[in-house]
Amino acid sequence: MTLKTFKFAVLSLLLVISSQSYAFDISERKASQLVQSKYKAKKLLKVESISSRGTKAFKIKILLDSGRLKTVYVNKKSGKISERQP
């Protein structure tokens, strides 16, 4: 491997690593849409931003068709929906 190829490989790797660390969080609107779509929510009641043990998330309360209140959490970085608090 030539020095030029090595430098290019290192710079490419640094660019990939730095772009991942500056990834944008999903929006409150997008998190709400994900939850409403997954649970077929009758009504969106409340959305709040929380931080738990270094993990940023949205806490979303919805009303299901059955009349049951459900609270779910959406990870701001990945968009993963969980029924457990992060």
PDB file of N, CA and C in Angstrom:
ATOM      1  N   MET A   1       0.857  -1.174   0.000  1.00  0.00           N
ATOM      2  CA  MET A   1       0.000   0.000   0.000  1.00  0.00           C
ATOM      3  C   MET A   1       0.902   1.236   0.000  1.00  0.00           C
ATOM      4  N   THR A   2       0.622   2.123  -0.901  1.00  0.00           N
ATOM      5  CA  THR A   2       1.433   3.336  -0.978  1.00  0.00           C
ATOM      6  C   THR A   2       0.996   4.317   0.100  1.00  0.00           C
ATOM      7  N   LEU A   3       1.843   5.285   0.353  1.00  0.00           N
ATOM      8  CA  LEU A   3       1.544   6.298   1.365  1.00  0.00           C
ATOM      9  C   LEU A   3       0.302   7.100   0.974  1.00  0.00           C
ATOM     10  N   LYS A   4       0.157   7.388  -0.303  1.00  0.00           N
ATOM     11  CA  LYS A   4      -0.999   8.151  -0.780  1.00  0.00           C
ATOM     12  C   LYS A   4      -2.299   7.369  -0.543  1.00  0.00           C
ATOM     13  N   THR A   5      -2.294   6.080  -0.823  1.00  0.00           N
ATOM     14  CA  THR A   5      -3.464   5.232  -0.612  1.00  0.00           C
ATOM     15  C   THR A   5      -3.792   5.130   0.874  1.00  0.00           C
ATOM     16  N   PHE A   6      -2.757   5.003   1.689  1.00  0.00           N
ATOM     17  CA  PHE A   6      -2.948   4.919   3.139  1.00  0.00           C
ATOM     18  C   PHE A   6      -3.572   6.202   3.683  1.00  0.00           C
ATOM     19  N   LYS A   7      -3.070   7.355   3.245  1.00  0.00           N
ATOM     20  CA  LYS A   7      -3.626   8.640   3.692  1.00  0.00           C
ATOM     21  C   LYS A   7      -5.095   8.761   3.294  1.00  0.00           C
ATOM     22  N   PHE A   8      -5.401   8.347   2.078  1.00  0.00           N
ATOM     23  CA  PHE A   8      -6.778   8.409   1.596  1.00  0.00           C
ATOM     24  C   PHE A   8      -7.688   7.517   2.446  1.00  0.00           C
ATOM     25  N   ALA A   9      -7.218   6.326   2.776  1.00  0.00           N
ATOM     26  CA  ALA A   9      -8.008   5.393   3.588  1.00  0.00           C
ATOM     27  C   ALA A   9      -8.255   5.962   4.983  1.00  0.00           C
ATOM     28  N   VAL A  10      -7.231   6.543   5.584  1.00  0.00           N
ATOM     29  CA  VAL A  10      -7.364   7.126   6.927  1.00  0.00           C
ATOM     30  C   VAL A  10      -8.324   8.311   6.901  1.00  0.00           C
ATOM     31  N   LEU A  11      -8.190   9.189   5.923  1.00  0.00           N
ATOM     32  CA  LEU A  11      -9.082  10.343   5.816  1.00  0.00           C
ATOM     33  C   LEU A  11     -10.531   9.910   5.578  1.00  0.00           C
ATOM     34  N   SER A  12     -10.727   8.896   4.771  1.00  0.00           N
ATOM     35  CA  SER A  12     -12.079   8.379   4.520  1.00  0.00           C
ATOM     36  C   SER A  12     -12.696   7.829   5.798  1.00  0.00           C
ATOM     37  N   LEU A  13     -11.909   7.095   6.554  1.00  0.00           N
ATOM     38  CA  LEU A  13     -12.386   6.535   7.817  1.00  0.00           C
ATOM     39  C   LEU A  13     -12.750   7.639   8.801  1.00  0.00           C
ATOM     40  N   LEU A  14     -11.918   8.657   8.903  1.00  0.00           N
ATOM     41  CA  LEU A  14     -12.207   9.782   9.796  1.00  0.00           C
ATOM     42  C   LEU A  14     -13.479  10.511   9.382  1.00  0.00           C
ATOM     43  N   LEU A  15     -13.689  10.657   8.102  1.00  0.00           N
ATOM     44  CA  LEU A  15     -14.894  11.318   7.605  1.00  0.00           C
ATOM     45  C   LEU A  15     -16.144  10.524   7.974  1.00  0.00           C
ATOM     46  N   VAL A  16     -16.095   9.217   7.831  1.00  0.00           N
ATOM     47  CA  VAL A  16     -17.236   8.366   8.176  1.00  0.00           C
ATOM     48  C   VAL A  16     -17.521   8.446   9.670  1.00  0.00           C
ATOM     49  N   ILE A  17     -16.504   8.371  10.485  1.00  0.00           N
ATOM     50  CA  ILE A  17     -16.673   8.422  11.939  1.00  0.00           C
ATOM     51  C   ILE A  17     -17.237   9.770  12.368  1.00  0.00           C
ATOM     52  N   SER A  18     -16.715  10.856  11.829  1.00  0.00           N
ATOM     53  CA  SER A  18     -17.178  12.182  12.234  1.00  0.00           C
ATOM     54  C   SER A  18     -18.605  12.442  11.771  1.00  0.00           C
ATOM     55  N   SER A  19     -19.001  11.937  10.621  1.00  0.00           N
ATOM     56  CA  SER A  19     -20.365  12.169  10.139  1.00  0.00           C
ATOM     57  C   SER A  19     -21.378  11.421  10.991  1.00  0.00           C
ATOM     58  N   GLN A  20     -21.007  10.284  11.549  1.00  0.00           N
ATOM     59  CA  GLN A  20     -21.917   9.532  12.404  1.00  0.00           C
ATOM     60  C   GLN A  20     -22.112  10.222  13.743  1.00  0.00           C
ATOM     61  N   SER A  21     -21.091  10.862  14.261  1.00  0.00           N
ATOM     62  CA  SER A  21     -21.212  11.502  15.566  1.00  0.00           C
ATOM     63  C   SER A  21     -22.020  12.792  15.499  1.00  0.00           C
ATOM     64  N   TYR A  22     -22.198  13.346  14.311  1.00  0.00           N
ATOM     65  CA  TYR A  22     -22.972  14.570  14.159  1.00  0.00           C
ATOM     66  C   TYR A  22     -24.333  14.313  13.520  1.00  0.00           C
ATOM     67  N   ALA A  23     -24.811  13.087  13.599  1.00  0.00           N
ATOM     68  CA  ALA A  23     -26.116  12.757  13.032  1.00  0.00           C
ATOM     69  C   ALA A  23     -27.199  13.528  13.780  1.00  0.00           C
ATOM     70  N   PHE A  24     -28.202  13.967  13.050  1.00  0.00           N
ATOM     71  CA  PHE A  24     -29.267  14.749  13.651  1.00  0.00           C
ATOM     72  C   PHE A  24     -30.287  13.855  14.339  1.00  0.00           C
ATOM     73  N   ASP A  25     -30.869  14.379  15.410  1.00  0.00           N
ATOM     74  CA  ASP A  25     -31.941  13.677  16.106  1.00  0.00           C
ATOM     75  C   ASP A  25     -33.204  13.732  15.258  1.00  0.00           C
ATOM     76  N   ILE A  26     -34.083  12.751  15.458  1.00  0.00           N
ATOM     77  CA  ILE A  26     -35.362  12.817  14.759  1.00  0.00           C
ATOM     78  C   ILE A  26     -36.215  13.891  15.429  1.00  0.00           C
ATOM     79  N   SER A  27     -37.141  14.435  14.697  1.00  0.00           N
ATOM     80  CA  SER A  27     -37.979  15.509  15.223  1.00  0.00           C
ATOM     81  C   SER A  27     -39.118  14.946  16.074  1.00  0.00           C
ATOM     82  N   GLU A  28     -39.706  15.827  16.849  1.00  0.00           N
ATOM     83  CA  GLU A  28     -40.860  15.460  17.672  1.00  0.00           C
ATOM     84  C   GLU A  28     -42.010  14.994  16.777  1.00  0.00           C
ATOM     85  N   ARG A  29     -42.179  15.678  15.662  1.00  0.00           N
ATOM     86  CA  ARG A  29     -43.252  15.324  14.717  1.00  0.00           C
ATOM     87  C   ARG A  29     -43.035  13.920  14.146  1.00  0.00           C
ATOM     88  N   LYS A  30     -41.795  13.617  13.744  1.00  0.00           N
ATOM     89  CA  LYS A  30     -41.482  12.304  13.176  1.00  0.00           C
ATOM     90  C   LYS A  30     -41.696  11.206  14.217  1.00  0.00           C
ATOM     91  N   ALA A  31     -41.272  11.451  15.457  1.00  0.00           N
ATOM     92  CA  ALA A  31     -41.462  10.471  16.530  1.00  0.00           C
ATOM     93  C   ALA A  31     -42.953  10.210  16.747  1.00  0.00           C
ATOM     94  N   SER A  32     -43.748  11.268  16.734  1.00  0.00           N
ATOM     95  CA  SER A  32     -45.197  11.136  16.912  1.00  0.00           C
ATOM     96  C   SER A  32     -45.816  10.321  15.785  1.00  0.00           C
ATOM     97  N   GLN A  33     -45.373  10.580  14.558  1.00  0.00           N
ATOM     98  CA  GLN A  33     -45.894   9.846  13.404  1.00  0.00           C
ATOM     99  C   GLN A  33     -45.544   8.363  13.491  1.00  0.00           C
ATOM    100  N   LEU A  34     -44.318   8.057  13.915  1.00  0.00           N
ATOM    101  CA  LEU A  34     -43.899   6.663  14.055  1.00  0.00           C
ATOM    102  C   LEU A  34     -44.785   5.921  15.056  1.00  0.00           C
ATOM    103  N   VAL A  35     -45.038   6.571  16.196  1.00  0.00           N
ATOM    104  CA  VAL A  35     -45.840   5.945  17.253  1.00  0.00           C
ATOM    105  C   VAL A  35     -47.293   5.783  16.811  1.00  0.00           C
ATOM    106  N   GLN A  36     -47.869   6.826  16.233  1.00  0.00           N
ATOM    107  CA  GLN A  36     -49.263   6.740  15.794  1.00  0.00           C
ATOM    108  C   GLN A  36     -49.441   5.662  14.731  1.00  0.00           C
ATOM    109  N   SER A  37     -48.465   5.524  13.871  1.00  0.00           N
ATOM    110  CA  SER A  37     -48.528   4.509  12.825  1.00  0.00           C
ATOM    111  C   SER A  37     -48.412   3.097  13.407  1.00  0.00           C
ATOM    112  N   LYS A  38     -47.487   2.910  14.335  1.00  0.00           N
ATOM    113  CA  LYS A  38     -47.261   1.576  14.904  1.00  0.00           C
ATOM    114  C   LYS A  38     -48.439   1.108  15.753  1.00  0.00           C
ATOM    115  N   TYR A  39     -48.988   1.993  16.571  1.00  0.00           N
ATOM    116  CA  TYR A  39     -50.036   1.598  17.517  1.00  0.00           C
ATOM    117  C   TYR A  39     -51.445   1.936  17.049  1.00  0.00           C
ATOM    118  N   LYS A  40     -51.591   2.512  15.868  1.00  0.00           N
ATOM    119  CA  LYS A  40     -52.906   2.920  15.360  1.00  0.00           C
ATOM    120  C   LYS A  40     -53.641   3.737  16.424  1.00  0.00           C
ATOM    121  N   ALA A  41     -52.942   4.732  16.950  1.00  0.00           N
ATOM    122  CA  ALA A  41     -53.459   5.547  18.050  1.00  0.00           C
ATOM    123  C   ALA A  41     -54.677   6.351  17.623  1.00  0.00           C
ATOM    124  N   LYS A  42     -55.649   6.394  18.516  1.00  0.00           N
ATOM    125  CA  LYS A  42     -56.850   7.184  18.281  1.00  0.00           C
ATOM    126  C   LYS A  42     -56.529   8.666  18.445  1.00  0.00           C
ATOM    127  N   LYS A  43     -55.678   8.962  19.450  1.00  0.00           N
ATOM    128  CA  LYS A  43     -55.347  10.354  19.726  1.00  0.00           C
ATOM    129  C   LYS A  43     -53.966  10.449  20.368  1.00  0.00           C
ATOM    130  N   LEU A  44     -53.227  11.462  19.964  1.00  0.00           N
ATOM    131  CA  LEU A  44     -51.934  11.773  20.564  1.00  0.00           C
ATOM    132  C   LEU A  44     -52.199  12.738  21.712  1.00  0.00           C
ATOM    133  N   LEU A  45     -51.806  12.363  22.924  1.00  0.00           N
ATOM    134  CA  LEU A  45     -52.128  13.175  24.089  1.00  0.00           C
ATOM    135  C   LEU A  45     -51.005  14.110  24.520  1.00  0.00           C
ATOM    136  N   LYS A  46     -49.767  13.592  24.538  1.00  0.00           N
ATOM    137  CA  LYS A  46     -48.666  14.411  25.045  1.00  0.00           C
ATOM    138  C   LYS A  46     -47.330  13.899  24.516  1.00  0.00           C
ATOM    139  N   VAL A  47     -46.452  14.835  24.190  1.00  0.00           N
ATOM    140  CA  VAL A  47     -45.092  14.492  23.768  1.00  0.00           C
ATOM    141  C   VAL A  47     -44.143  15.355  24.583  1.00  0.00           C
ATOM    142  N   GLU A  48     -43.177  14.711  25.233  1.00  0.00           N
ATOM    143  CA  GLU A  48     -42.175  15.486  25.959  1.00  0.00           C
ATOM    144  C   GLU A  48     -40.790  14.904  25.725  1.00  0.00           C
ATOM    145  N   SER A  49     -39.813  15.781  25.737  1.00  0.00           N
ATOM    146  CA  SER A  49     -38.431  15.391  25.543  1.00  0.00           C
ATOM    147  C   SER A  49     -37.832  15.021  26.895  1.00  0.00           C
ATOM    148  N   ILE A  50     -37.171  13.859  26.955  1.00  0.00           N
ATOM    149  CA  ILE A  50     -36.549  13.427  28.210  1.00  0.00           C
ATOM    150  C   ILE A  50     -35.113  12.982  27.945  1.00  0.00           C
ATOM    151  N   SER A  51     -34.349  12.915  29.018  1.00  0.00           N
ATOM    152  CA  SER A  51     -32.991  12.395  28.954  1.00  0.00           C
ATOM    153  C   SER A  51     -32.809  11.483  30.159  1.00  0.00           C
ATOM    154  N   SER A  52     -32.455  10.240  29.890  1.00  0.00           N
ATOM    155  CA  SER A  52     -32.308   9.264  30.959  1.00  0.00           C
ATOM    156  C   SER A  52     -30.996   8.514  30.782  1.00  0.00           C
ATOM    157  N   ARG A  53     -30.122   8.623  31.747  1.00  0.00           N
ATOM    158  CA  ARG A  53     -28.811   7.960  31.713  1.00  0.00           C
ATOM    159  C   ARG A  53     -28.060   8.238  30.413  1.00  0.00           C
ATOM    160  N   GLY A  54     -28.117   9.485  29.963  1.00  0.00           N
ATOM    161  CA  GLY A  54     -27.385   9.877  28.763  1.00  0.00           C
ATOM    162  C   GLY A  54     -28.097   9.586  27.460  1.00  0.00           C
ATOM    163  N   THR A  55     -29.254   8.943  27.521  1.00  0.00           N
ATOM    164  CA  THR A  55     -30.020   8.635  26.316  1.00  0.00           C
ATOM    165  C   THR A  55     -31.128   9.661  26.151  1.00  0.00           C
ATOM    166  N   LYS A  56     -31.160  10.307  24.994  1.00  0.00           N
ATOM    167  CA  LYS A  56     -32.213  11.276  24.710  1.00  0.00           C
ATOM    168  C   LYS A  56     -33.379  10.556  24.050  1.00  0.00           C
ATOM    169  N   ALA A  57     -34.589  10.893  24.493  1.00  0.00           N
ATOM    170  CA  ALA A  57     -35.773  10.237  23.948  1.00  0.00           C
ATOM    171  C   ALA A  57     -36.978  11.161  24.044  1.00  0.00           C
ATOM    172  N   PHE A  58     -38.041  10.762  23.359  1.00  0.00           N
ATOM    173  CA  PHE A  58     -39.336  11.407  23.506  1.00  0.00           C
ATOM    174  C   PHE A  58     -40.227  10.461  24.300  1.00  0.00           C
ATOM    175  N   LYS A  59     -40.936  11.004  25.266  1.00  0.00           N
ATOM    176  CA  LYS A  59     -41.942  10.250  26.011  1.00  0.00           C
ATOM    177  C   LYS A  59     -43.280  10.650  25.399  1.00  0.00           C
ATOM    178  N   ILE A  60     -43.985   9.671  24.841  1.00  0.00           N
ATOM    179  CA  ILE A  60     -45.212   9.964  24.109  1.00  0.00           C
ATOM    180  C   ILE A  60     -46.381   9.198  24.725  1.00  0.00           C
ATOM    181  N   LYS A  61     -47.440   9.946  25.052  1.00  0.00           N
ATOM    182  CA  LYS A  61     -48.657   9.341  25.587  1.00  0.00           C
ATOM    183  C   LYS A  61     -49.717   9.370  24.498  1.00  0.00           C
ATOM    184  N   ILE A  62     -50.339   8.194  24.278  1.00  0.00           N
ATOM    185  CA  ILE A  62     -51.370   8.075  23.253  1.00  0.00           C
ATOM    186  C   ILE A  62     -52.610   7.410  23.835  1.00  0.00           C
ATOM    187  N   LEU A  63     -53.722   7.636  23.171  1.00  0.00           N
ATOM    188  CA  LEU A  63     -54.975   6.980  23.526  1.00  0.00           C
ATOM    189  C   LEU A  63     -55.267   5.963  22.433  1.00  0.00           C
ATOM    190  N   LEU A  64     -55.402   4.698  22.828  1.00  0.00           N
ATOM    191  CA  LEU A  64     -55.676   3.636  21.863  1.00  0.00           C
ATOM    192  C   LEU A  64     -57.169   3.564  21.562  1.00  0.00           C
ATOM    193  N   ASP A  65     -57.529   2.873  20.491  1.00  0.00           N
ATOM    194  CA  ASP A  65     -58.937   2.715  20.117  1.00  0.00           C
ATOM    195  C   ASP A  65     -59.755   2.060  21.225  1.00  0.00           C
ATOM    196  N   SER A  66     -59.099   1.215  22.017  1.00  0.00           N
ATOM    197  CA  SER A  66     -59.781   0.518  23.111  1.00  0.00           C
ATOM    198  C   SER A  66     -60.071   1.446  24.291  1.00  0.00           C
ATOM    199  N   GLY A  67     -59.552   2.684  24.237  1.00  0.00           N
ATOM    200  CA  GLY A  67     -59.741   3.624  25.332  1.00  0.00           C
ATOM    201  C   GLY A  67     -58.604   3.582  26.343  1.00  0.00           C
ATOM    202  N   ARG A  68     -57.657   2.703  26.121  1.00  0.00           N
ATOM    203  CA  ARG A  68     -56.522   2.532  27.029  1.00  0.00           C
ATOM    204  C   ARG A  68     -55.463   3.601  26.774  1.00  0.00           C
ATOM    205  N   LEU A  69     -54.881   4.127  27.852  1.00  0.00           N
ATOM    206  CA  LEU A  69     -53.785   5.088  27.769  1.00  0.00           C
ATOM    207  C   LEU A  69     -52.478   4.309  27.693  1.00  0.00           C
ATOM    208  N   LYS A  70     -51.601   4.683  26.770  1.00  0.00           N
ATOM    209  CA  LYS A  70     -50.321   3.988  26.610  1.00  0.00           C
ATOM    210  C   LYS A  70     -49.204   5.015  26.536  1.00  0.00           C
ATOM    211  N   THR A  71     -48.114   4.734  27.235  1.00  0.00           N
ATOM    212  CA  THR A  71     -46.923   5.580  27.190  1.00  0.00           C
ATOM    213  C   THR A  71     -45.803   4.795  26.526  1.00  0.00           C
ATOM    214  N   VAL A  72     -45.186   5.402  25.524  1.00  0.00           N
ATOM    215  CA  VAL A  72     -44.060   4.774  24.832  1.00  0.00           C
ATOM    216  C   VAL A  72     -42.922   5.776  24.730  1.00  0.00           C
ATOM    217  N   TYR A  73     -41.745   5.260  24.424  1.00  0.00           N
ATOM    218  CA  TYR A  73     -40.542   6.085  24.334  1.00  0.00           C
ATOM    219  C   TYR A  73     -39.910   5.894  22.963  1.00  0.00           C
ATOM    220  N   VAL A  74     -39.454   6.998  22.378  1.00  0.00           N
ATOM    221  CA  VAL A  74     -38.796   6.947  21.073  1.00  0.00           C
ATOM    222  C   VAL A  74     -37.396   7.520  21.219  1.00  0.00           C
ATOM    223  N   ASN A  75     -36.394   6.701  20.908  1.00  0.00           N
ATOM    224  CA  ASN A  75     -35.001   7.134  20.960  1.00  0.00           C
ATOM    225  C   ASN A  75     -34.777   8.206  19.896  1.00  0.00           C
ATOM    226  N   LYS A  76     -34.213   9.344  20.294  1.00  0.00           N
ATOM    227  CA  LYS A  76     -34.029  10.459  19.360  1.00  0.00           C
ATOM    228  C   LYS A  76     -33.001  10.161  18.275  1.00  0.00           C
ATOM    229  N   LYS A  77     -32.007   9.362  18.573  1.00  0.00           N
ATOM    230  CA  LYS A  77     -30.963   9.061  17.583  1.00  0.00           C
ATOM    231  C   LYS A  77     -31.408   8.002  16.581  1.00  0.00           C
ATOM    232  N   SER A  78     -31.978   6.909  17.093  1.00  0.00           N
ATOM    233  CA  SER A  78     -32.285   5.771  16.224  1.00  0.00           C
ATOM    234  C   SER A  78     -33.736   5.722  15.748  1.00  0.00           C
ATOM    235  N   GLY A  79     -34.649   6.372  16.482  1.00  0.00           N
ATOM    236  CA  GLY A  79     -36.062   6.289  16.137  1.00  0.00           C
ATOM    237  C   GLY A  79     -36.717   5.019  16.656  1.00  0.00           C
ATOM    238  N   LYS A  80     -35.978   4.237  17.452  1.00  0.00           N
ATOM    239  CA  LYS A  80     -36.506   2.983  17.986  1.00  0.00           C
ATOM    240  C   LYS A  80     -37.591   3.279  19.022  1.00  0.00           C
ATOM    241  N   ILE A  81     -38.706   2.551  18.906  1.00  0.00           N
ATOM    242  CA  ILE A  81     -39.832   2.710  19.825  1.00  0.00           C
ATOM    243  C   ILE A  81     -39.754   1.627  20.890  1.00  0.00           C
ATOM    244  N   SER A  82     -39.937   2.034  22.152  1.00  0.00           N
ATOM    245  CA  SER A  82     -39.876   1.093  23.263  1.00  0.00           C
ATOM    246  C   SER A  82     -40.998   1.396  24.245  1.00  0.00           C
ATOM    247  N   GLU A  83     -41.480   0.358  24.897  1.00  0.00           N
ATOM    248  CA  GLU A  83     -42.498   0.548  25.922  1.00  0.00           C
ATOM    249  C   GLU A  83     -41.866   0.710  27.300  1.00  0.00           C
ATOM    250  N   ARG A  84     -40.558   0.557  27.358  1.00  0.00           N
ATOM    251  CA  ARG A  84     -39.819   0.728  28.617  1.00  0.00           C
ATOM    252  C   ARG A  84     -39.045   2.029  28.589  1.00  0.00           C
ATOM    253  N   GLN A  85     -38.979   2.671  29.736  1.00  0.00           N
ATOM    254  CA  GLN A  85     -38.236   3.923  29.833  1.00  0.00           C
ATOM    255  C   GLN A  85     -36.748   3.650  29.625  1.00  0.00           C
ATOM    256  N   PRO A  86     -36.096   4.471  28.805  1.00  0.00           N
ATOM    257  CA  PRO A  86     -34.661   4.252  28.544  1.00  0.00           C
ATOM    258  C   PRO A  86     -33.808   4.488  29.781  1.00  0.00           C
TER     259      PRO A  86
END
